[in-house]
Amino acid sequence: MSIRRGAPYADRIEENGRVLIYEGHDVPRTKDGPSPKLRDQVATLESGRLTQNGLFLRAAADYKSGKESAEPVRVYEKIREGIWTFAGEFLLVDGWQEVEGGRKVFKFKLTVNFDEADWAQNTPTDLPTGRLIPTDVKREVWKRDKGRCVKCGKKDNLHFDHDIPYSKGGSSLVAENIQLLCARHNLAKSDQIE
């Protein structure tokens, strides 16, 4: 997903980061064919096999009908070319098709995968919080921390980490509470306040 300016899909975040509306996949580009952005998104291939859109749509329908549990989806956000960050695990709860820009596109509703009662109990009401770290905050942190782990200086497998953990009421909305850590240091820190 991406909500940065000029992103190729119209993804959006709602309900203070608890809900993502994710746009489906375009048809593949063909050598002499029209731009995928001019063609309807499809749920099935000519062979009858389901596309990713079709698989998402079926999973959402199975959940809504009570046939299956909501499908967990790991969401990554594109910060800029070659830089993706893990945004968390969400549950696929709905899917539909709508007309946008003169073509049919799929939209999928994903809700954050966590216990609502636990969130309410652990989130102070006087601090602005949101589960997702906004793109502008990630960019500010990336620039401030120079794209390196603040503990060891590594440049690969980096994570955006809350100084005061989200589970303990830490805000995702201010760069002062976010730092870059490599996977090793992030796992070692866990949900501790340092």
C-alpha atoms as a PDB file:
ATOM      1  CA  MET A   1       0.000   0.000   0.000  1.00  0.00           C
ATOM      2  CA  SER A   2       1.021   3.593  -0.402  1.00  0.00           C
ATOM      3  CA  ILE A   3      -0.597   6.890   0.474  1.00  0.00           C
ATOM      4  CA  ARG A   4       2.262   9.080  -0.710  1.00  0.00           C
ATOM      5  CA  ARG A   5       1.651  11.760  -3.337  1.00  0.00           C
ATOM      6  CA  GLY A   6       1.659  10.267  -6.830  1.00  0.00           C
ATOM      7  CA  ALA A   7       1.059   6.697  -5.623  1.00  0.00           C
ATOM      8  CA  PRO A   8      -0.321   4.488  -8.422  1.00  0.00           C
ATOM      9  CA  TYR A   9      -3.258   3.240  -6.337  1.00  0.00           C
ATOM     10  CA  ALA A  10      -5.874   5.145  -4.314  1.00  0.00           C
ATOM     11  CA  ASP A  11      -5.265   3.519  -0.919  1.00  0.00           C
ATOM     12  CA  ARG A  12      -6.378   5.360   2.208  1.00  0.00           C
ATOM     13  CA  ILE A  13      -6.272   5.130   5.993  1.00  0.00           C
ATOM     14  CA  GLU A  14      -9.411   5.678   8.086  1.00  0.00           C
ATOM     15  CA  GLU A  15     -10.503   5.598  11.726  1.00  0.00           C
ATOM     16  CA  ASN A  16      -7.188   6.796  13.128  1.00  0.00           C
ATOM     17  CA  GLY A  17      -5.218   4.002  11.484  1.00  0.00           C
ATOM     18  CA  ARG A  18      -7.535   1.160  12.433  1.00  0.00           C
ATOM     19  CA  VAL A  19      -8.956   0.728   8.909  1.00  0.00           C
ATOM     20  CA  LEU A  20      -7.247   0.565   5.517  1.00  0.00           C
ATOM     21  CA  ILE A  21      -9.097   0.858   2.246  1.00  0.00           C
ATOM     22  CA  TYR A  22      -6.834  -0.884  -0.215  1.00  0.00           C
ATOM     23  CA  GLU A  23      -7.269  -0.602  -3.989  1.00  0.00           C
ATOM     24  CA  GLY A  24      -7.056  -3.839  -5.969  1.00  0.00           C
ATOM     25  CA  HIS A  25      -4.444  -4.796  -8.541  1.00  0.00           C
ATOM     26  CA  ASP A  26      -4.452  -3.546 -12.118  1.00  0.00           C
ATOM     27  CA  VAL A  27      -4.276  -5.939 -15.043  1.00  0.00           C
ATOM     28  CA  PRO A  28      -0.691  -6.626 -16.178  1.00  0.00           C
ATOM     29  CA  ARG A  29       0.863  -4.303 -18.737  1.00  0.00           C
ATOM     30  CA  THR A  30       1.015  -5.810 -22.225  1.00  0.00           C
ATOM     31  CA  LYS A  31       3.519  -4.899 -24.923  1.00  0.00           C
ATOM     32  CA  ASP A  32       1.122  -3.236 -27.357  1.00  0.00           C
ATOM     33  CA  GLY A  33      -1.963  -2.901 -25.167  1.00  0.00           C
ATOM     34  CA  PRO A  34      -3.458   0.124 -23.450  1.00  0.00           C
ATOM     35  CA  SER A  35      -2.186   1.319 -20.077  1.00  0.00           C
ATOM     36  CA  PRO A  36      -3.450  -0.821 -17.191  1.00  0.00           C
ATOM     37  CA  LYS A  37      -4.768   2.432 -15.651  1.00  0.00           C
ATOM     38  CA  LEU A  38      -7.255   2.648 -18.551  1.00  0.00           C
ATOM     39  CA  ARG A  39      -8.604  -0.886 -18.102  1.00  0.00           C
ATOM     40  CA  ASP A  40     -11.011  -2.331 -15.549  1.00  0.00           C
ATOM     41  CA  GLN A  41      -9.484  -4.374 -12.739  1.00  0.00           C
ATOM     42  CA  VAL A  42     -10.537  -8.031 -13.022  1.00  0.00           C
ATOM     43  CA  ALA A  43     -11.365 -10.825 -10.575  1.00  0.00           C
ATOM     44  CA  THR A  44     -10.696 -13.704 -12.973  1.00  0.00           C
ATOM     45  CA  LEU A  45      -8.304 -14.442 -15.815  1.00  0.00           C
ATOM     46  CA  GLU A  46      -9.492 -15.673 -19.216  1.00  0.00           C
ATOM     47  CA  SER A  47      -8.607 -19.179 -18.012  1.00  0.00           C
ATOM     48  CA  GLY A  48     -11.142 -18.789 -15.178  1.00  0.00           C
ATOM     49  CA  ARG A  49      -8.421 -18.711 -12.514  1.00  0.00           C
ATOM     50  CA  LEU A  50      -8.881 -16.083  -9.794  1.00  0.00           C
ATOM     51  CA  THR A  51      -6.584 -13.051  -9.757  1.00  0.00           C
ATOM     52  CA  GLN A  52      -5.368 -11.581  -6.453  1.00  0.00           C
ATOM     53  CA  ASN A  53      -8.473  -9.370  -6.614  1.00  0.00           C
ATOM     54  CA  GLY A  54     -10.649 -12.456  -7.007  1.00  0.00           C
ATOM     55  CA  LEU A  55      -8.954 -14.248  -4.117  1.00  0.00           C
ATOM     56  CA  PHE A  56      -9.390 -11.200  -1.850  1.00  0.00           C
ATOM     57  CA  LEU A  57     -13.030 -10.811  -2.938  1.00  0.00           C
ATOM     58  CA  ARG A  58     -13.776 -14.486  -2.213  1.00  0.00           C
ATOM     59  CA  ALA A  59     -12.072 -14.317   1.210  1.00  0.00           C
ATOM     60  CA  ALA A  60     -14.071 -11.188   2.122  1.00  0.00           C
ATOM     61  CA  ALA A  61     -17.336 -12.828   0.990  1.00  0.00           C
ATOM     62  CA  ASP A  62     -16.551 -15.986   2.986  1.00  0.00           C
ATOM     63  CA  TYR A  63     -15.933 -13.836   6.076  1.00  0.00           C
ATOM     64  CA  LYS A  64     -19.092 -11.766   5.613  1.00  0.00           C
ATOM     65  CA  SER A  65     -21.220 -14.908   5.170  1.00  0.00           C
ATOM     66  CA  GLY A  66     -19.769 -16.459   8.340  1.00  0.00           C
ATOM     67  CA  LYS A  67     -18.217 -19.335   6.406  1.00  0.00           C
ATOM     68  CA  GLU A  68     -14.618 -18.414   7.350  1.00  0.00           C
ATOM     69  CA  SER A  69     -12.707 -16.247   9.785  1.00  0.00           C
ATOM     70  CA  ALA A  70     -11.347 -12.951   8.477  1.00  0.00           C
ATOM     71  CA  GLU A  71      -8.198 -13.535   6.428  1.00  0.00           C
ATOM     72  CA  PRO A  72      -5.059 -11.995   8.015  1.00  0.00           C
ATOM     73  CA  VAL A  73      -3.063  -9.774   5.650  1.00  0.00           C
ATOM     74  CA  ARG A  74       0.443  -8.459   6.339  1.00  0.00           C
ATOM     75  CA  VAL A  75       0.560  -4.873   5.074  1.00  0.00           C
ATOM     76  CA  TYR A  76       3.691  -3.064   3.926  1.00  0.00           C
ATOM     77  CA  GLU A  77       3.831   0.640   3.079  1.00  0.00           C
ATOM     78  CA  LYS A  78       6.039   2.028   0.328  1.00  0.00           C
ATOM     79  CA  ILE A  79       7.882   5.055   1.681  1.00  0.00           C
ATOM     80  CA  ARG A  80       9.860   5.708  -1.509  1.00  0.00           C
ATOM     81  CA  GLU A  81      11.446   3.662  -4.281  1.00  0.00           C
ATOM     82  CA  GLY A  82      13.005   0.559  -2.743  1.00  0.00           C
ATOM     83  CA  ILE A  83      11.968   1.393   0.838  1.00  0.00           C
ATOM     84  CA  TRP A  84       9.047  -0.520   2.323  1.00  0.00           C
ATOM     85  CA  THR A  85       7.987  -0.647   5.957  1.00  0.00           C
ATOM     86  CA  PHE A  86       5.834  -3.171   7.775  1.00  0.00           C
ATOM     87  CA  ALA A  87       2.559  -1.464   8.743  1.00  0.00           C
ATOM     88  CA  GLY A  88       1.126  -4.378  10.719  1.00  0.00           C
ATOM     89  CA  GLU A  89      -1.255  -7.263  10.319  1.00  0.00           C
ATOM     90  CA  PHE A  90      -4.796  -6.470   9.262  1.00  0.00           C
ATOM     91  CA  LEU A  91      -7.934  -8.556   8.732  1.00  0.00           C
ATOM     92  CA  LEU A  92      -9.724  -8.584   5.371  1.00  0.00           C
ATOM     93  CA  VAL A  93     -13.383  -7.888   6.204  1.00  0.00           C
ATOM     94  CA  ASP A  94     -15.009  -6.532   3.023  1.00  0.00           C
ATOM     95  CA  GLY A  95     -14.528  -6.127  -0.711  1.00  0.00           C
ATOM     96  CA  TRP A  96     -16.437  -4.437  -3.522  1.00  0.00           C
ATOM     97  CA  GLN A  97     -16.035  -2.901  -6.954  1.00  0.00           C
ATOM     98  CA  GLU A  98     -16.653   0.751  -7.783  1.00  0.00           C
ATOM     99  CA  VAL A  99     -16.147   3.095 -10.707  1.00  0.00           C
ATOM    100  CA  GLU A 100     -13.200   5.435 -10.318  1.00  0.00           C
ATOM    101  CA  GLY A 101     -11.693   7.530 -13.083  1.00  0.00           C
ATOM    102  CA  GLY A 102     -13.975   5.922 -15.675  1.00  0.00           C
ATOM    103  CA  ARG A 103     -12.948   2.336 -14.915  1.00  0.00           C
ATOM    104  CA  LYS A 104     -13.964  -0.377 -12.456  1.00  0.00           C
ATOM    105  CA  VAL A 105     -11.611  -0.913  -9.530  1.00  0.00           C
ATOM    106  CA  PHE A 106     -11.757  -3.169  -6.496  1.00  0.00           C
ATOM    107  CA  LYS A 107     -11.663  -1.793  -2.962  1.00  0.00           C
ATOM    108  CA  PHE A 108     -10.892  -3.934   0.072  1.00  0.00           C
ATOM    109  CA  LYS A 109     -11.514  -3.002   3.695  1.00  0.00           C
ATOM    110  CA  LEU A 110      -8.916  -4.215   6.184  1.00  0.00           C
ATOM    111  CA  THR A 111      -9.159  -3.669   9.938  1.00  0.00           C
ATOM    112  CA  VAL A 112      -6.188  -3.757  12.269  1.00  0.00           C
ATOM    113  CA  ASN A 113      -5.699  -7.149  13.922  1.00  0.00           C
ATOM    114  CA  PHE A 114      -5.695  -6.495  17.656  1.00  0.00           C
ATOM    115  CA  ASP A 115      -7.970  -6.841  20.640  1.00  0.00           C
ATOM    116  CA  GLU A 116     -10.157  -3.718  20.869  1.00  0.00           C
ATOM    117  CA  ALA A 117     -10.653  -4.121  24.651  1.00  0.00           C
ATOM    118  CA  ASP A 118      -6.893  -4.306  25.176  1.00  0.00           C
ATOM    119  CA  TRP A 119      -6.396  -1.180  23.056  1.00  0.00           C
ATOM    120  CA  ALA A 120      -9.000   0.784  25.020  1.00  0.00           C
ATOM    121  CA  GLN A 121      -7.469  -0.313  28.338  1.00  0.00           C
ATOM    122  CA  ASN A 122      -3.887   0.596  27.400  1.00  0.00           C
ATOM    123  CA  THR A 123      -4.359   3.837  25.482  1.00  0.00           C
ATOM    124  CA  PRO A 124      -4.385   7.046  27.483  1.00  0.00           C
ATOM    125  CA  THR A 125      -7.015   9.487  26.239  1.00  0.00           C
ATOM    126  CA  ASP A 126      -4.812  12.556  26.592  1.00  0.00           C
ATOM    127  CA  LEU A 127      -2.183  11.431  24.031  1.00  0.00           C
ATOM    128  CA  PRO A 128      -2.829  11.482  20.290  1.00  0.00           C
ATOM    129  CA  THR A 129      -2.286   7.915  19.113  1.00  0.00           C
ATOM    130  CA  GLY A 130      -2.797   5.876  16.007  1.00  0.00           C
ATOM    131  CA  ARG A 131      -1.547   2.403  15.266  1.00  0.00           C
ATOM    132  CA  LEU A 132      -0.017   3.310  11.900  1.00  0.00           C
ATOM    133  CA  ILE A 133       2.942   5.632  11.698  1.00  0.00           C
ATOM    134  CA  PRO A 134       2.057   8.285   9.081  1.00  0.00           C
ATOM    135  CA  THR A 135       4.257   8.485   5.993  1.00  0.00           C
ATOM    136  CA  ASP A 136       5.427  12.032   6.761  1.00  0.00           C
ATOM    137  CA  VAL A 137       6.578  10.911  10.239  1.00  0.00           C
ATOM    138  CA  LYS A 138       8.457   7.941   8.702  1.00  0.00           C
ATOM    139  CA  ARG A 139      10.187  10.241   6.232  1.00  0.00           C
ATOM    140  CA  GLU A 140      11.196  12.647   9.014  1.00  0.00           C
ATOM    141  CA  VAL A 141      12.566   9.780  11.143  1.00  0.00           C
ATOM    142  CA  TRP A 142      14.388   8.242   8.151  1.00  0.00           C
ATOM    143  CA  LYS A 143      16.063  11.582   7.429  1.00  0.00           C
ATOM    144  CA  ARG A 144      16.855  12.317  11.095  1.00  0.00           C
ATOM    145  CA  ASP A 145      18.313   8.823  11.729  1.00  0.00           C
ATOM    146  CA  LYS A 146      20.123   8.889   8.357  1.00  0.00           C
ATOM    147  CA  GLY A 147      18.602   5.557   7.272  1.00  0.00           C
ATOM    148  CA  ARG A 148      20.548   3.677   9.971  1.00  0.00           C
ATOM    149  CA  CYS A 149      19.847   1.800  13.191  1.00  0.00           C
ATOM    150  CA  VAL A 150      20.299   4.294  16.041  1.00  0.00           C
ATOM    151  CA  LYS A 151      22.012   1.569  18.141  1.00  0.00           C
ATOM    152  CA  CYS A 152      24.543   0.029  15.748  1.00  0.00           C
ATOM    153  CA  GLY A 153      24.417   1.988  12.481  1.00  0.00           C
ATOM    154  CA  LYS A 154      23.257  -0.948  10.285  1.00  0.00           C
ATOM    155  CA  LYS A 155      21.480   0.079   7.080  1.00  0.00           C
ATOM    156  CA  ASP A 156      19.522  -3.101   6.315  1.00  0.00           C
ATOM    157  CA  ASN A 157      16.418  -4.793   7.744  1.00  0.00           C
ATOM    158  CA  LEU A 158      15.378  -1.613   9.561  1.00  0.00           C
ATOM    159  CA  HIS A 159      12.204  -1.176  11.591  1.00  0.00           C
ATOM    160  CA  PHE A 160      10.367   1.946  12.712  1.00  0.00           C
ATOM    161  CA  ASP A 161      10.191   1.520  16.485  1.00  0.00           C
ATOM    162  CA  HIS A 162       8.176   3.390  19.095  1.00  0.00           C
ATOM    163  CA  ASP A 163      10.384   4.753  21.901  1.00  0.00           C
ATOM    164  CA  ILE A 164       7.342   4.590  24.200  1.00  0.00           C
ATOM    165  CA  PRO A 165       5.635   1.446  22.825  1.00  0.00           C
ATOM    166  CA  TYR A 166       2.248   1.800  21.162  1.00  0.00           C
ATOM    167  CA  SER A 167       0.926  -0.884  23.545  1.00  0.00           C
ATOM    168  CA  LYS A 168       1.855   1.409  26.450  1.00  0.00           C
ATOM    169  CA  GLY A 169       0.245   4.515  24.961  1.00  0.00           C
ATOM    170  CA  GLY A 170       3.099   5.797  22.797  1.00  0.00           C
ATOM    171  CA  SER A 171       2.053   7.972  19.893  1.00  0.00           C
ATOM    172  CA  SER A 172       2.760   7.101  16.273  1.00  0.00           C
ATOM    173  CA  LEU A 173       2.027  10.650  15.188  1.00  0.00           C
ATOM    174  CA  VAL A 174       5.221  12.393  16.326  1.00  0.00           C
ATOM    175  CA  ALA A 175       8.757  11.709  15.098  1.00  0.00           C
ATOM    176  CA  GLU A 176      10.125  12.245  18.606  1.00  0.00           C
ATOM    177  CA  ASN A 177       8.556   8.914  19.666  1.00  0.00           C
ATOM    178  CA  ILE A 178       9.801   6.943  16.639  1.00  0.00           C
ATOM    179  CA  GLN A 179      13.307   5.667  15.910  1.00  0.00           C
ATOM    180  CA  LEU A 180      15.002   3.382  13.398  1.00  0.00           C
ATOM    181  CA  LEU A 181      16.268   0.079  14.769  1.00  0.00           C
ATOM    182  CA  CYS A 182      17.691  -2.952  12.989  1.00  0.00           C
ATOM    183  CA  ALA A 183      15.755  -6.195  13.456  1.00  0.00           C
ATOM    184  CA  ARG A 184      18.177  -7.452  16.143  1.00  0.00           C
ATOM    185  CA  HIS A 185      17.875  -4.337  18.302  1.00  0.00           C
ATOM    186  CA  ASN A 186      14.121  -4.042  17.736  1.00  0.00           C
ATOM    187  CA  LEU A 187      13.548  -7.633  18.862  1.00  0.00           C
ATOM    188  CA  ALA A 188      15.842  -7.164  21.863  1.00  0.00           C
ATOM    189  CA  LYS A 189      13.929  -4.041  22.900  1.00  0.00           C
ATOM    190  CA  SER A 190      10.498  -5.698  22.490  1.00  0.00           C
ATOM    191  CA  ASP A 191       7.892  -3.519  24.237  1.00  0.00           C
ATOM    192  CA  GLN A 192      10.307  -2.047  26.800  1.00  0.00           C
ATOM    193  CA  ILE A 193      10.817   1.647  27.373  1.00  0.00           C
ATOM    194  CA  GLU A 194      14.521   2.538  27.247  1.00  0.00           C
END
